[in-house]
Amino acid sequence: MDKLFCNHCGFERPQDESDCPNCGAPSPVVKENTNKRFLIFFVILIVFCAIAIAWLPR
């Protein structure tokens, strides 16, 4: 198993922790996952709006 270290304080932390137990800095892996979810949600919203606009009566 690879050792993970906090990018902020350098403390060794477990892989399953979302925040550093030493300084509380958020894990970059969690942030990347959050950005991916937001991007997927945004793309779905844009597609839904485009379909709604196409179906509006003229």
Protein backbone atom coordinates (compact mmCIF):
# COMPACT_ATOMS: atom_id res chain seq x y z
CA MET A 1 0.00 0.00 0.00
CA ASP A 2 1.35 3.43 -0.91
CA LYS A 3 1.91 5.96 1.81
CA LEU A 4 0.08 9.25 1.38
CA PHE A 5 1.31 12.50 2.84
CA CYS A 6 -0.56 15.74 3.41
CA ASN A 7 0.32 18.38 0.82
CA HIS A 8 0.02 21.09 3.47
CA CYS A 9 1.86 19.78 6.57
CA GLY A 10 3.60 16.60 5.30
CA PHE A 11 1.93 14.35 7.89
CA GLU A 12 1.44 10.72 6.82
CA ARG A 13 -2.28 10.04 6.53
CA PRO A 14 -4.45 6.99 5.76
CA GLN A 15 -5.86 6.65 2.25
CA ASP A 16 -9.45 6.48 3.44
CA GLU A 17 -9.30 9.84 5.25
CA SER A 18 -10.82 12.76 3.37
CA ASP A 19 -9.06 15.37 5.55
CA CYS A 20 -5.62 15.37 7.13
CA PRO A 21 -5.96 14.24 10.77
CA ASN A 22 -3.06 16.53 11.74
CA CYS A 23 -3.94 19.91 10.17
CA GLY A 24 -7.41 19.34 8.67
CA ALA A 25 -6.42 20.19 5.09
CA PRO A 26 -8.74 18.59 2.51
CA SER A 27 -7.46 15.73 0.40
CA PRO A 28 -6.85 16.62 -3.27
CA VAL A 29 -8.42 13.28 -4.29
CA VAL A 30 -11.73 14.30 -2.74
CA LYS A 31 -11.61 17.66 -4.47
CA GLU A 32 -11.01 16.02 -7.85
CA ASN A 33 -14.01 13.74 -7.34
CA THR A 34 -16.18 16.73 -6.40
CA ASN A 35 -15.09 18.61 -9.53
CA LYS A 36 -15.94 15.59 -11.67
CA ARG A 37 -19.43 15.35 -10.16
CA PHE A 38 -20.04 19.05 -10.73
CA LEU A 39 -18.93 18.78 -14.36
CA ILE A 40 -21.27 15.84 -15.01
CA PHE A 41 -24.18 17.68 -13.38
CA PHE A 42 -23.44 20.84 -15.40
CA VAL A 43 -23.32 18.96 -18.72
CA ILE A 44 -26.63 17.22 -17.95
CA LEU A 45 -28.18 20.59 -17.07
CA ILE A 46 -27.01 22.15 -20.35
CA VAL A 47 -28.35 19.21 -22.39
CA PHE A 48 -31.70 19.41 -20.58
CA CYS A 49 -31.94 23.17 -21.25
CA ALA A 50 -31.09 22.68 -24.92
CA ILE A 51 -33.82 20.05 -25.32
CA ALA A 52 -36.35 22.27 -23.48
CA ILE A 53 -35.54 25.23 -25.76
CA ALA A 54 -35.83 23.05 -28.89
CA TRP A 55 -39.32 21.89 -27.84
CA LEU A 56 -40.69 25.37 -27.12
CA PRO A 57 -43.42 26.43 -29.53
CA ARG A 58 -42.39 29.07 -32.01
